[in-house]
Amino acid sequence: MKMVNIMLHSINDVKNFVNAVNKYDFDVDLTSGRYVVDAKSIMGIFSLDLSKPIQVEIHCEDCSVFMDEIKPFIIEG
């Protein structure tokens, strides 16, 4: 399992992120405050506070290809 923080600044960011996540079979959860949603759910993501960083929990051992694909959204910290 791997954890990173992301920011989704626009509707297009959300759409592109969901499209990237849906290419893979493993589970990805997003946590914002006390809420946890499935990263494959565009409606779930829009229920989060997108003005703050979102924690991504990737349930996969080797997710380097996926990490490269979501690199534009990843923030340090």
Protein backbone atom coordinates (compact mmCIF):
# COMPACT_ATOMS: atom_id res chain seq x y z
CA MET A 1 0.00 0.00 0.00
CA LYS A 2 1.22 3.48 -0.84
CA MET A 3 -0.02 6.89 0.28
CA VAL A 4 0.40 10.29 -1.40
CA ASN A 5 -1.34 13.66 -1.29
CA ILE A 6 -2.96 15.22 -4.34
CA MET A 7 -4.74 18.42 -5.32
CA LEU A 8 -7.53 18.50 -7.88
CA HIS A 9 -7.94 22.13 -8.95
CA SER A 10 -10.60 21.84 -11.66
CA ILE A 11 -13.40 19.68 -13.01
CA ASN A 12 -11.00 18.52 -15.74
CA ASP A 13 -8.48 17.45 -13.07
CA VAL A 14 -11.16 15.33 -11.39
CA LYS A 15 -12.22 13.80 -14.70
CA ASN A 16 -8.63 13.02 -15.73
CA PHE A 17 -7.81 11.56 -12.30
CA VAL A 18 -10.90 9.29 -12.31
CA ASN A 19 -10.11 8.13 -15.85
CA ALA A 20 -6.56 7.24 -14.77
CA VAL A 21 -7.73 5.33 -11.68
CA ASN A 22 -10.36 3.37 -13.62
CA LYS A 23 -7.68 1.82 -15.85
CA TYR A 24 -6.44 -0.30 -12.93
CA ASP A 25 -7.95 -3.26 -11.04
CA PHE A 26 -6.65 -2.35 -7.58
CA ASP A 27 -8.56 -0.19 -5.10
CA VAL A 28 -7.74 3.46 -4.52
CA ASP A 29 -9.31 5.41 -1.66
CA LEU A 30 -9.38 9.18 -1.16
CA THR A 31 -9.48 10.66 2.33
CA SER A 32 -10.39 14.25 3.13
CA GLY A 33 -10.96 15.00 6.79
CA ARG A 34 -13.19 12.24 8.11
CA TYR A 35 -14.57 11.25 4.71
CA VAL A 36 -13.26 8.34 2.65
CA VAL A 37 -14.48 7.77 -0.92
CA ASP A 38 -13.66 5.41 -3.76
CA ALA A 39 -11.31 7.18 -6.20
CA LYS A 40 -13.17 5.53 -9.10
CA SER A 41 -16.34 7.47 -8.19
CA ILE A 42 -16.52 10.92 -9.77
CA MET A 43 -19.56 11.77 -7.60
CA GLY A 44 -17.69 10.66 -4.49
CA ILE A 45 -14.77 12.94 -5.33
CA PHE A 46 -17.06 15.92 -5.84
CA SER A 47 -18.44 15.33 -2.32
CA LEU A 48 -14.98 16.10 -0.88
CA ASP A 49 -13.52 19.52 -0.07
CA LEU A 50 -11.37 20.03 -3.19
CA SER A 51 -9.82 23.23 -1.83
CA LYS A 52 -7.62 21.14 0.48
CA PRO A 53 -5.09 18.37 -0.23
CA ILE A 54 -6.60 14.90 -0.52
CA GLN A 55 -4.85 11.81 0.78
CA VAL A 56 -4.67 8.94 -1.72
CA GLU A 57 -4.36 5.38 -0.44
CA ILE A 58 -3.31 2.96 -3.19
CA HIS A 59 -3.94 -0.71 -2.39
CA CYS A 60 -1.25 -2.20 -4.63
CA GLU A 61 2.30 -3.45 -4.15
CA ASP A 62 3.79 -2.34 -7.48
CA CYS A 63 1.98 0.80 -8.60
CA SER A 64 4.84 2.67 -10.30
CA VAL A 65 3.00 2.97 -13.64
CA PHE A 66 -0.07 4.34 -11.86
CA MET A 67 2.09 6.74 -9.83
CA ASP A 68 3.61 8.10 -13.06
CA GLU A 69 0.13 8.62 -14.48
CA ILE A 70 -1.11 10.64 -11.48
CA LYS A 71 2.16 12.55 -11.04
CA PRO A 72 0.65 15.89 -12.24
CA PHE A 73 -1.76 15.83 -9.27
CA ILE A 74 0.72 14.80 -6.56
CA ILE A 75 1.86 17.45 -4.08
CA GLU A 76 4.69 17.25 -1.58
CA GLY A 77 3.90 17.06 2.09
